[in-house]
Structure formats: structure tokens, C-alpha cells
Amino acid sequence: MLERYRTGQVDLVRGLQPVDEQALKSSGDNVLPAQGVDLTTNMAAVRIGSGKLTDAKVRQALQAGIDRQSIKDTVLSESYVVADSVLNHAAPGFIDLSADLAYEPEKSKSLLDEAGWVVGADGVREKDGKKLEVTVTSSNNSVVIKPAFELIEQQWREIGVKLINRASDNTFLATAMIDPNIEFFGTRQFAYGGLGPVFGPENNTQTLNADTELNALFAKERAATSEAEHNELIAEEQRQLVSEKALALVLWDEVQVYGGNSDAHVEFTSGTAPIFQGAWKTGK
């Protein structure tokens, strides 16, 4: 598709690679980051079916073992914003959890020690005869998802965790997305009705698990009678998902990066889709 854009066959291209952004800018064309305000951040949603991530301390260790700024500097571009919650920065009710998302590998190691995972001879932690070897699945809809998890794979090896990276493997995704034994689903989801519809249902595709305490929060939010109460509950949902329960290992705010011809003018919905009804192009 990018080649068709370069040869003038199309005026707008979706899924621009970070490495191509500077080249487009240099040629006088436009890099257009469409912010996904209506979606969750990009994240690794956690499944506990294998038993390896049942302990919240392990999940918290993995959260603290991700160097998000390094991911941005290495894999992403200035079009991307590092996540500070499970909601995007511009989403209603967003709270800043950046202090809980700091990269702290020593904290990760301590939490894993407390949870009983001991470093083995090969550097991978073990407990009860199991290695702390975990797998991530995702679709190939994002051009940066696989290299991002390649970097996380390196970061987690430093704390004794082996990540098997099956991101962007759509063949594997077909069965893995509904397999509770596959520990991570790299994803982002529309959150028009709040976080409850995303994480609450028994068959939700994020965690494949209905957490009783989270669902109680979601129910309270739906029943809230004032804006202040509503916002307080949304804040607590984010704290639980990101910090306390660590069921959403958040990475970056949702964005779809488009390349646009300098003569083409287009706006985007808050769900990252181009609004072609109002698009226009100057003639040459």
C-alpha cells in the first residue's frame, strides 16, 4: 500500500511504519496520527488460566518490568504516546498512573522472589516444576505490535521471565485468543460504554475471566447518581486493572498513523477512522 501511495495511486495510507514517517515529512507530505480516544490503550491483557499469573505479585512484577519509554524510543515514533493508564490520555475519566508504571526491574525481581519464583540455571524462574515461560498472541492490525513485544521479551529476560512472542501471527491467534492458557492478548478495544463491557463479561476477550471485585465496581459505576461518584469509580477501575490486579499491562495510547498526500485534507473520528465525507483535495 505504501508503494501505491508513493507512486501517486492513492492519497492516504493507513498503518504507516514509524521508520517511514520521517521520509514522508521530508518529502513534504503529511504524517497524520489519528488518536483513538474511544479505545483503551494498547496493552497485554492478562489471562490466568495457565496458573503462572494467578498471583497478583507476578502480574505486578511484569508491569514494572516493562520499560515503556524505551519502547517508544526504539520501536515507536513521536506519533505515539506512552500509556499512563488503561484509558487514553484524552478519554473521559482518565487518571495518571505513571508513578505505578515506572520501569523498576529490581522491584520486579523482589516481587517474583516473594511469589516463590526462583531463578533457574538457564536464567528463567521456576516454581513447582513450572518455568515462568509465558506466551503473547495478537492480531497483525498494528504495525508496531510485534517489535514492541520483541523488546519486552528482552526486558523480561532480565527479571527471569521468558516471553514467547506470537504477536502478529494471525494463524496462531485464531485459537489462542480464546485459550485461557495463553497468558497475554495484545490488544486494544472500543470502550464506548466504559471499562465494564470490555472486562466484565464472563466471555470477555481480554482476560477470559469475570473478576468478581471488578464487576462489583462496574455495577456501582453504572448505578452512580452523580458525576463525582461516577468519576471516582472510573478512577478506581483504572487503579485496579493497572496497579492492584495488574490485569492490563498497558503500553501506549491507541493511535493509527496515516500518511497523507500534501494536497489531501482529511479528519478522523475519535475511533481513528477517516471521515471521507468531509475530505477534500486541492488540484494541481
C-alpha atoms as a PDB file:
ATOM      1  CA  MET A   1       0.000   0.000   0.000  1.00  0.00           C
ATOM      2  CA  LEU A   2       2.836   2.437   0.795  1.00  0.00           C
ATOM      3  CA  GLU A   3       4.324   1.804  -2.641  1.00  0.00           C
ATOM      4  CA  ARG A   4       0.989   2.681  -4.244  1.00  0.00           C
ATOM      5  CA  TYR A   5       0.983   5.868  -2.185  1.00  0.00           C
ATOM      6  CA  ARG A   6       4.493   6.772  -3.304  1.00  0.00           C
ATOM      7  CA  THR A   7       3.564   6.283  -6.956  1.00  0.00           C
ATOM      8  CA  GLY A   8       0.528   8.533  -6.589  1.00  0.00           C
ATOM      9  CA  GLN A   9      -2.142   5.852  -6.919  1.00  0.00           C
ATOM     10  CA  VAL A  10      -3.627   6.684  -3.511  1.00  0.00           C
ATOM     11  CA  ASP A  11      -3.661   9.854  -1.377  1.00  0.00           C
ATOM     12  CA  LEU A  12      -3.938   8.309   2.101  1.00  0.00           C
ATOM     13  CA  VAL A  13      -2.284   5.235   3.569  1.00  0.00           C
ATOM     14  CA  ARG A  14      -3.063   3.610   6.941  1.00  0.00           C
ATOM     15  CA  GLY A  15      -0.648   1.803   9.224  1.00  0.00           C
ATOM     16  CA  LEU A  16       2.412   3.884   8.464  1.00  0.00           C
ATOM     17  CA  GLN A  17       5.606   2.326   9.775  1.00  0.00           C
ATOM     18  CA  PRO A  18       7.498   4.553  12.228  1.00  0.00           C
ATOM     19  CA  VAL A  19      10.605   4.271  10.052  1.00  0.00           C
ATOM     20  CA  ASP A  20       8.676   5.763   7.115  1.00  0.00           C
ATOM     21  CA  GLU A  21       7.313   8.782   8.981  1.00  0.00           C
ATOM     22  CA  GLN A  22      10.393  10.964   8.666  1.00  0.00           C
ATOM     23  CA  ALA A  23      10.742  10.147   4.966  1.00  0.00           C
ATOM     24  CA  LEU A  24       7.180  11.333   4.320  1.00  0.00           C
ATOM     25  CA  LYS A  25       7.720  14.519   6.290  1.00  0.00           C
ATOM     26  CA  SER A  26      10.946  15.182   4.417  1.00  0.00           C
ATOM     27  CA  SER A  27       9.160  14.834   1.090  1.00  0.00           C
ATOM     28  CA  GLY A  28       6.613  17.450   2.106  1.00  0.00           C
ATOM     29  CA  ASP A  29       3.763  15.048   2.745  1.00  0.00           C
ATOM     30  CA  ASN A  30       1.815  14.699   5.977  1.00  0.00           C
ATOM     31  CA  VAL A  31       2.052  12.262   8.866  1.00  0.00           C
ATOM     32  CA  LEU A  32      -1.395  12.098  10.419  1.00  0.00           C
ATOM     33  CA  PRO A  33      -1.697  10.408  13.840  1.00  0.00           C
ATOM     34  CA  ALA A  34      -5.380   9.645  14.457  1.00  0.00           C
ATOM     35  CA  GLN A  35      -5.914   9.373  18.217  1.00  0.00           C
ATOM     36  CA  GLY A  36      -8.112   6.519  19.442  1.00  0.00           C
ATOM     37  CA  VAL A  37      -9.863   8.386  22.241  1.00  0.00           C
ATOM     38  CA  ASP A  38     -12.769   5.907  22.218  1.00  0.00           C
ATOM     39  CA  LEU A  39     -10.499   2.891  22.676  1.00  0.00           C
ATOM     40  CA  THR A  40      -8.470   1.507  25.531  1.00  0.00           C
ATOM     41  CA  THR A  41      -4.720   1.864  25.363  1.00  0.00           C
ATOM     42  CA  ASN A  42      -2.730  -0.827  23.615  1.00  0.00           C
ATOM     43  CA  MET A  43      -1.994  -3.443  26.242  1.00  0.00           C
ATOM     44  CA  ALA A  44      -1.228  -7.027  27.053  1.00  0.00           C
ATOM     45  CA  ALA A  45      -4.458  -8.256  28.634  1.00  0.00           C
ATOM     46  CA  VAL A  46      -3.674 -10.968  31.170  1.00  0.00           C
ATOM     47  CA  ARG A  47      -5.163 -14.480  31.246  1.00  0.00           C
ATOM     48  CA  ILE A  48      -4.614 -16.590  34.370  1.00  0.00           C
ATOM     49  CA  GLY A  49      -5.681 -19.988  33.020  1.00  0.00           C
ATOM     50  CA  SER A  50      -2.192 -21.493  32.954  1.00  0.00           C
ATOM     51  CA  GLY A  51      -1.790 -20.774  36.678  1.00  0.00           C
ATOM     52  CA  LYS A  52       1.503 -18.932  36.195  1.00  0.00           C
ATOM     53  CA  LEU A  53      -0.039 -15.468  36.572  1.00  0.00           C
ATOM     54  CA  THR A  54      -2.642 -16.219  39.246  1.00  0.00           C
ATOM     55  CA  ASP A  55      -0.659 -14.319  41.885  1.00  0.00           C
ATOM     56  CA  ALA A  56      -1.112 -10.549  41.518  1.00  0.00           C
ATOM     57  CA  LYS A  57       2.516 -10.066  42.607  1.00  0.00           C
ATOM     58  CA  VAL A  58       3.675 -11.816  39.445  1.00  0.00           C
ATOM     59  CA  ARG A  59       1.471  -9.617  37.286  1.00  0.00           C
ATOM     60  CA  GLN A  60       2.674  -6.510  39.123  1.00  0.00           C
ATOM     61  CA  ALA A  61       6.258  -7.658  38.562  1.00  0.00           C
ATOM     62  CA  LEU A  62       5.663  -7.913  34.841  1.00  0.00           C
ATOM     63  CA  GLN A  63       4.022  -4.476  34.800  1.00  0.00           C
ATOM     64  CA  ALA A  64       7.075  -2.963  36.499  1.00  0.00           C
ATOM     65  CA  GLY A  65       9.379  -4.923  34.192  1.00  0.00           C
ATOM     66  CA  ILE A  66       8.302  -3.020  31.066  1.00  0.00           C
ATOM     67  CA  ASP A  67      10.362  -0.015  30.024  1.00  0.00           C
ATOM     68  CA  ARG A  68       7.710   1.896  28.089  1.00  0.00           C
ATOM     69  CA  GLN A  69       9.887   4.874  27.276  1.00  0.00           C
ATOM     70  CA  SER A  70      12.440   2.532  25.743  1.00  0.00           C
ATOM     71  CA  ILE A  71       9.694   1.008  23.599  1.00  0.00           C
ATOM     72  CA  LYS A  72       8.758   4.466  22.342  1.00  0.00           C
ATOM     73  CA  ASP A  73      12.374   5.462  21.710  1.00  0.00           C
ATOM     74  CA  THR A  74      13.279   2.187  19.992  1.00  0.00           C
ATOM     75  CA  VAL A  75      10.164   0.905  18.238  1.00  0.00           C
ATOM     76  CA  LEU A  76       7.652   3.752  18.019  1.00  0.00           C
ATOM     77  CA  SER A  77       7.846   7.428  16.999  1.00  0.00           C
ATOM     78  CA  GLU A  78       6.715  10.859  18.119  1.00  0.00           C
ATOM     79  CA  SER A  79       3.232   9.983  16.838  1.00  0.00           C
ATOM     80  CA  TYR A  80       2.820   7.639  19.822  1.00  0.00           C
ATOM     81  CA  VAL A  81       2.179   8.484  23.475  1.00  0.00           C
ATOM     82  CA  VAL A  82       3.306   6.174  26.277  1.00  0.00           C
ATOM     83  CA  ALA A  83       0.310   4.847  28.220  1.00  0.00           C
ATOM     84  CA  ASP A  84      -0.282   6.106  31.755  1.00  0.00           C
ATOM     85  CA  SER A  85      -3.480   4.120  32.337  1.00  0.00           C
ATOM     86  CA  VAL A  86      -5.775   1.656  30.615  1.00  0.00           C
ATOM     87  CA  LEU A  87      -7.648   4.671  29.233  1.00  0.00           C
ATOM     88  CA  ASN A  88      -6.077   7.014  26.699  1.00  0.00           C
ATOM     89  CA  HIS A  89      -4.988  10.418  27.999  1.00  0.00           C
ATOM     90  CA  ALA A  90      -7.841  12.228  26.240  1.00  0.00           C
ATOM     91  CA  ALA A  91     -10.547   9.776  27.342  1.00  0.00           C
ATOM     92  CA  PRO A  92     -13.182  10.949  29.846  1.00  0.00           C
ATOM     93  CA  GLY A  93     -12.268   9.852  33.362  1.00  0.00           C
ATOM     94  CA  PHE A  94      -8.576   9.200  32.621  1.00  0.00           C
ATOM     95  CA  ILE A  95      -6.284   9.239  35.662  1.00  0.00           C
ATOM     96  CA  ASP A  96      -2.493   9.375  35.576  1.00  0.00           C
ATOM     97  CA  LEU A  97      -0.982   6.152  36.922  1.00  0.00           C
ATOM     98  CA  SER A  98       2.508   6.839  35.593  1.00  0.00           C
ATOM     99  CA  ALA A  99       4.010   6.541  39.087  1.00  0.00           C
ATOM    100  CA  ASP A 100       2.735   2.948  39.228  1.00  0.00           C
ATOM    101  CA  LEU A 101       4.056   2.241  35.739  1.00  0.00           C
ATOM    102  CA  ALA A 102       7.668   3.237  36.296  1.00  0.00           C
ATOM    103  CA  TYR A 103      10.278   0.812  34.983  1.00  0.00           C
ATOM    104  CA  GLU A 104      11.647  -0.856  38.115  1.00  0.00           C
ATOM    105  CA  PRO A 105      13.334  -4.189  37.310  1.00  0.00           C
ATOM    106  CA  GLU A 106      14.661  -4.583  40.852  1.00  0.00           C
ATOM    107  CA  LYS A 107      11.125  -4.237  42.186  1.00  0.00           C
ATOM    108  CA  SER A 108      10.056  -6.870  39.648  1.00  0.00           C
ATOM    109  CA  LYS A 109      12.703  -9.269  40.882  1.00  0.00           C
ATOM    110  CA  SER A 110      11.678  -8.738  44.512  1.00  0.00           C
ATOM    111  CA  LEU A 111       8.011  -9.366  43.738  1.00  0.00           C
ATOM    112  CA  LEU A 112       8.841 -12.540  41.850  1.00  0.00           C
ATOM    113  CA  ASP A 113      11.034 -13.685  44.751  1.00  0.00           C
ATOM    114  CA  GLU A 114       8.146 -13.039  47.154  1.00  0.00           C
ATOM    115  CA  ALA A 115       5.827 -15.037  44.911  1.00  0.00           C
ATOM    116  CA  GLY A 116       8.184 -18.026  45.106  1.00  0.00           C
ATOM    117  CA  TRP A 117       9.596 -17.954  41.590  1.00  0.00           C
ATOM    118  CA  VAL A 118      13.301 -18.860  41.809  1.00  0.00           C
ATOM    119  CA  VAL A 119      15.849 -18.194  39.065  1.00  0.00           C
ATOM    120  CA  GLY A 120      16.906 -21.441  37.398  1.00  0.00           C
ATOM    121  CA  ALA A 121      20.224 -22.441  35.843  1.00  0.00           C
ATOM    122  CA  ASP A 122      19.144 -21.029  32.466  1.00  0.00           C
ATOM    123  CA  GLY A 123      18.092 -17.705  33.980  1.00  0.00           C
ATOM    124  CA  VAL A 124      14.364 -18.455  33.748  1.00  0.00           C
ATOM    125  CA  ARG A 125      12.462 -18.552  37.025  1.00  0.00           C
ATOM    126  CA  GLU A 126      10.833 -21.778  38.215  1.00  0.00           C
ATOM    127  CA  LYS A 127       8.207 -22.803  40.742  1.00  0.00           C
ATOM    128  CA  ASP A 128       6.567 -26.156  41.451  1.00  0.00           C
ATOM    129  CA  GLY A 129       8.219 -27.702  38.419  1.00  0.00           C
ATOM    130  CA  LYS A 130       6.990 -24.968  36.039  1.00  0.00           C
ATOM    131  CA  LYS A 131       9.112 -22.398  34.259  1.00  0.00           C
ATOM    132  CA  LEU A 132       7.914 -18.814  34.132  1.00  0.00           C
ATOM    133  CA  GLU A 133       7.538 -19.079  30.372  1.00  0.00           C
ATOM    134  CA  VAL A 134       4.574 -17.107  29.009  1.00  0.00           C
ATOM    135  CA  THR A 135       3.093 -16.502  25.559  1.00  0.00           C
ATOM    136  CA  VAL A 136       1.556 -13.469  23.888  1.00  0.00           C
ATOM    137  CA  THR A 137      -0.863 -13.538  20.968  1.00  0.00           C
ATOM    138  CA  SER A 138      -2.181 -10.615  18.935  1.00  0.00           C
ATOM    139  CA  SER A 139      -3.505  -9.748  15.514  1.00  0.00           C
ATOM    140  CA  ASN A 140      -1.355  -8.089  12.871  1.00  0.00           C
ATOM    141  CA  ASN A 141      -3.551  -4.959  12.773  1.00  0.00           C
ATOM    142  CA  SER A 142      -0.805  -2.876  14.372  1.00  0.00           C
ATOM    143  CA  VAL A 143       2.485  -2.450  12.526  1.00  0.00           C
ATOM    144  CA  VAL A 144       4.372  -1.957  15.801  1.00  0.00           C
ATOM    145  CA  ILE A 145       2.918  -4.694  17.999  1.00  0.00           C
ATOM    146  CA  LYS A 146       5.405  -7.466  17.155  1.00  0.00           C
ATOM    147  CA  PRO A 147       8.594  -5.380  17.512  1.00  0.00           C
ATOM    148  CA  ALA A 148       7.220  -3.911  20.757  1.00  0.00           C
ATOM    149  CA  PHE A 149       6.835  -7.367  22.250  1.00  0.00           C
ATOM    150  CA  GLU A 150      10.289  -8.310  20.964  1.00  0.00           C
ATOM    151  CA  LEU A 151      11.671  -5.539  23.135  1.00  0.00           C
ATOM    152  CA  ILE A 152       9.514  -6.591  26.100  1.00  0.00           C
ATOM    153  CA  GLU A 153      10.858 -10.107  25.602  1.00  0.00           C
ATOM    154  CA  GLN A 154      14.375  -8.748  26.149  1.00  0.00           C
ATOM    155  CA  GLN A 155      13.325  -6.685  29.176  1.00  0.00           C
ATOM    156  CA  TRP A 156      11.584  -9.609  30.859  1.00  0.00           C
ATOM    157  CA  ARG A 157      14.569 -11.884  30.379  1.00  0.00           C
ATOM    158  CA  GLU A 158      16.418  -9.502  32.710  1.00  0.00           C
ATOM    159  CA  ILE A 159      13.976 -10.363  35.511  1.00  0.00           C
ATOM    160  CA  GLY A 160      13.909 -14.101  34.775  1.00  0.00           C
ATOM    161  CA  VAL A 161      10.796 -14.374  32.600  1.00  0.00           C
ATOM    162  CA  LYS A 162      10.737 -15.950  29.144  1.00  0.00           C
ATOM    163  CA  LEU A 163       8.210 -14.468  26.716  1.00  0.00           C
ATOM    164  CA  ILE A 164       7.224 -16.444  23.639  1.00  0.00           C
ATOM    165  CA  ASN A 165       6.300 -13.793  21.093  1.00  0.00           C
ATOM    166  CA  ARG A 166       3.461 -14.858  18.778  1.00  0.00           C
ATOM    167  CA  ALA A 167       2.255 -11.324  18.162  1.00  0.00           C
ATOM    168  CA  SER A 168       1.003 -10.618  14.621  1.00  0.00           C
ATOM    169  CA  ASP A 169       0.649 -14.351  13.939  1.00  0.00           C
ATOM    170  CA  ASN A 170      -2.977 -14.435  12.789  1.00  0.00           C
ATOM    171  CA  THR A 171      -2.952 -18.207  12.285  1.00  0.00           C
ATOM    172  CA  PHE A 172      -1.967 -18.728  15.928  1.00  0.00           C
ATOM    173  CA  LEU A 173      -4.395 -16.006  17.042  1.00  0.00           C
ATOM    174  CA  ALA A 174      -7.422 -17.898  15.715  1.00  0.00           C
ATOM    175  CA  THR A 175      -7.289 -20.402  18.573  1.00  0.00           C
ATOM    176  CA  ALA A 176      -5.036 -18.591  21.064  1.00  0.00           C
ATOM    177  CA  MET A 177      -7.373 -15.615  21.501  1.00  0.00           C
ATOM    178  CA  ILE A 178      -9.918 -17.854  23.238  1.00  0.00           C
ATOM    179  CA  ASP A 179      -7.396 -20.046  25.070  1.00  0.00           C
ATOM    180  CA  PRO A 180      -7.146 -19.117  28.786  1.00  0.00           C
ATOM    181  CA  ASN A 181      -3.760 -20.860  28.927  1.00  0.00           C
ATOM    182  CA  ILE A 182      -2.225 -18.291  26.565  1.00  0.00           C
ATOM    183  CA  GLU A 183      -1.166 -15.704  29.108  1.00  0.00           C
ATOM    184  CA  PHE A 184      -1.358 -12.476  27.090  1.00  0.00           C
ATOM    185  CA  PHE A 185      -3.554 -10.975  24.405  1.00  0.00           C
ATOM    186  CA  GLY A 186      -2.013  -7.904  22.791  1.00  0.00           C
ATOM    187  CA  THR A 187      -4.999  -5.727  22.042  1.00  0.00           C
ATOM    188  CA  ARG A 188      -6.959  -2.513  22.347  1.00  0.00           C
ATOM    189  CA  GLN A 189     -10.742  -2.368  22.443  1.00  0.00           C
ATOM    190  CA  PHE A 190     -13.503   0.172  21.960  1.00  0.00           C
ATOM    191  CA  ALA A 191     -14.715   1.387  25.348  1.00  0.00           C
ATOM    192  CA  TYR A 192     -17.784   3.397  24.386  1.00  0.00           C
ATOM    193  CA  GLY A 193     -19.728   2.056  27.385  1.00  0.00           C
ATOM    194  CA  GLY A 194     -16.827   2.261  29.813  1.00  0.00           C
ATOM    195  CA  LEU A 195     -14.450  -0.440  31.017  1.00  0.00           C
ATOM    196  CA  GLY A 196     -17.242  -2.708  32.285  1.00  0.00           C
ATOM    197  CA  PRO A 197     -18.301  -4.055  28.869  1.00  0.00           C
ATOM    198  CA  VAL A 198     -14.636  -4.615  27.970  1.00  0.00           C
ATOM    199  CA  PHE A 199     -13.506  -6.538  31.059  1.00  0.00           C
ATOM    200  CA  GLY A 200     -16.719  -7.553  32.807  1.00  0.00           C
ATOM    201  CA  PRO A 201     -18.447 -10.313  30.813  1.00  0.00           C
ATOM    202  CA  GLU A 202     -17.650 -13.953  31.584  1.00  0.00           C
ATOM    203  CA  ASN A 203     -16.567 -14.427  27.983  1.00  0.00           C
ATOM    204  CA  ASN A 204     -14.736 -11.094  27.578  1.00  0.00           C
ATOM    205  CA  THR A 205     -11.927 -11.463  25.062  1.00  0.00           C
ATOM    206  CA  GLN A 206      -9.416  -9.568  27.200  1.00  0.00           C
ATOM    207  CA  THR A 207      -8.941 -11.691  30.309  1.00  0.00           C
ATOM    208  CA  LEU A 208     -11.344 -14.579  29.534  1.00  0.00           C
ATOM    209  CA  ASN A 209     -12.350 -14.254  33.171  1.00  0.00           C
ATOM    210  CA  ALA A 210     -15.032 -12.317  35.044  1.00  0.00           C
ATOM    211  CA  ASP A 211     -13.360 -10.849  38.117  1.00  0.00           C
ATOM    212  CA  THR A 212     -15.907 -10.586  40.937  1.00  0.00           C
ATOM    213  CA  GLU A 213     -14.422  -7.483  42.576  1.00  0.00           C
ATOM    214  CA  LEU A 214     -14.049  -5.664  39.263  1.00  0.00           C
ATOM    215  CA  ASN A 215     -17.614  -6.484  38.298  1.00  0.00           C
ATOM    216  CA  ALA A 216     -18.838  -5.054  41.592  1.00  0.00           C
ATOM    217  CA  LEU A 217     -17.057  -1.798  40.699  1.00  0.00           C
ATOM    218  CA  PHE A 218     -18.517  -1.810  37.202  1.00  0.00           C
ATOM    219  CA  ALA A 219     -22.006  -2.284  38.657  1.00  0.00           C
ATOM    220  CA  LYS A 220     -21.515   0.625  41.070  1.00  0.00           C
ATOM    221  CA  GLU A 221     -20.361   2.822  38.199  1.00  0.00           C
ATOM    222  CA  ARG A 222     -23.494   2.027  36.190  1.00  0.00           C
ATOM    223  CA  ALA A 223     -25.630   2.911  39.217  1.00  0.00           C
ATOM    224  CA  ALA A 224     -23.771   6.126  40.095  1.00  0.00           C
ATOM    225  CA  THR A 225     -26.117   9.088  40.528  1.00  0.00           C
ATOM    226  CA  SER A 226     -23.614  11.943  40.353  1.00  0.00           C
ATOM    227  CA  GLU A 227     -20.714  12.868  38.089  1.00  0.00           C
ATOM    228  CA  ALA A 228     -18.345  12.967  41.055  1.00  0.00           C
ATOM    229  CA  GLU A 229     -19.276   9.429  42.128  1.00  0.00           C
ATOM    230  CA  HIS A 230     -19.053   8.229  38.535  1.00  0.00           C
ATOM    231  CA  ASN A 231     -15.558   9.661  38.065  1.00  0.00           C
ATOM    232  CA  GLU A 232     -14.394   8.261  41.400  1.00  0.00           C
ATOM    233  CA  LEU A 233     -15.463   4.765  40.365  1.00  0.00           C
ATOM    234  CA  ILE A 234     -13.851   5.053  36.918  1.00  0.00           C
ATOM    235  CA  ALA A 235     -10.642   6.076  38.662  1.00  0.00           C
ATOM    236  CA  GLU A 236     -10.800   3.058  40.965  1.00  0.00           C
ATOM    237  CA  GLU A 237     -11.450   0.735  38.000  1.00  0.00           C
ATOM    238  CA  GLN A 238      -8.262   2.006  36.383  1.00  0.00           C
ATOM    239  CA  ARG A 239      -6.252   1.579  39.588  1.00  0.00           C
ATOM    240  CA  GLN A 240      -7.484  -1.982  39.977  1.00  0.00           C
ATOM    241  CA  LEU A 241      -6.877  -3.004  36.355  1.00  0.00           C
ATOM    242  CA  VAL A 242      -3.438  -1.414  36.122  1.00  0.00           C
ATOM    243  CA  SER A 243      -1.926  -1.277  39.616  1.00  0.00           C
ATOM    244  CA  GLU A 244      -3.636  -3.572  42.101  1.00  0.00           C
ATOM    245  CA  LYS A 245      -4.741  -6.512  39.984  1.00  0.00           C
ATOM    246  CA  ALA A 246      -2.420  -5.729  37.034  1.00  0.00           C
ATOM    247  CA  LEU A 247      -4.709  -7.444  34.555  1.00  0.00           C
ATOM    248  CA  ALA A 248      -3.901  -4.867  31.870  1.00  0.00           C
ATOM    249  CA  LEU A 249      -0.207  -4.383  31.129  1.00  0.00           C
ATOM    250  CA  VAL A 250      -0.570  -1.076  29.333  1.00  0.00           C
ATOM    251  CA  LEU A 251       1.837   0.083  26.616  1.00  0.00           C
ATOM    252  CA  TRP A 252       0.824   3.115  24.518  1.00  0.00           C
ATOM    253  CA  ASP A 253      -2.257   5.166  23.745  1.00  0.00           C
ATOM    254  CA  GLU A 254      -4.175   3.913  20.739  1.00  0.00           C
ATOM    255  CA  VAL A 255      -3.256   5.718  17.540  1.00  0.00           C
ATOM    256  CA  GLN A 256      -3.438   4.862  13.868  1.00  0.00           C
ATOM    257  CA  VAL A 257      -0.763   6.668  11.895  1.00  0.00           C
ATOM    258  CA  TYR A 258      -1.716   7.668   8.362  1.00  0.00           C
ATOM    259  CA  GLY A 259       0.425   9.065   5.612  1.00  0.00           C
ATOM    260  CA  GLY A 260      -1.332  11.803   3.661  1.00  0.00           C
ATOM    261  CA  ASN A 261      -0.636  13.500   0.356  1.00  0.00           C
ATOM    262  CA  SER A 262       0.158  17.180   0.908  1.00  0.00           C
ATOM    263  CA  ASP A 263      -2.825  18.091  -1.291  1.00  0.00           C
ATOM    264  CA  ALA A 264      -5.270  15.838   0.575  1.00  0.00           C
ATOM    265  CA  HIS A 265      -7.149  17.068   3.650  1.00  0.00           C
ATOM    266  CA  VAL A 266      -8.941  14.609   5.904  1.00  0.00           C
ATOM    267  CA  GLU A 267     -10.121  14.480   9.511  1.00  0.00           C
ATOM    268  CA  PHE A 268     -10.642  11.431  11.706  1.00  0.00           C
ATOM    269  CA  THR A 269     -13.195  10.089  14.141  1.00  0.00           C
ATOM    270  CA  SER A 270     -12.281   9.535  17.796  1.00  0.00           C
ATOM    271  CA  GLY A 271     -12.064   5.859  16.841  1.00  0.00           C
ATOM    272  CA  THR A 272      -9.217   6.550  14.325  1.00  0.00           C
ATOM    273  CA  ALA A 273     -11.341   6.163  11.145  1.00  0.00           C
ATOM    274  CA  PRO A 274     -11.009   8.727   8.338  1.00  0.00           C
ATOM    275  CA  ILE A 275     -14.069  10.881   7.670  1.00  0.00           C
ATOM    276  CA  PHE A 276     -14.210  10.761   3.905  1.00  0.00           C
ATOM    277  CA  GLN A 277     -17.483  12.705   3.661  1.00  0.00           C
ATOM    278  CA  GLY A 278     -15.604  15.882   4.550  1.00  0.00           C
ATOM    279  CA  ALA A 279     -12.305  15.072   2.869  1.00  0.00           C
ATOM    280  CA  TRP A 280     -11.053  17.294   0.093  1.00  0.00           C
ATOM    281  CA  LYS A 281      -8.060  17.706  -2.164  1.00  0.00           C
ATOM    282  CA  THR A 282      -6.507  20.719  -3.812  1.00  0.00           C
ATOM    283  CA  GLY A 283      -5.905  20.326  -7.504  1.00  0.00           C
ATOM    284  CA  LYS A 284      -2.623  20.533  -9.283  1.00  0.00           C
END
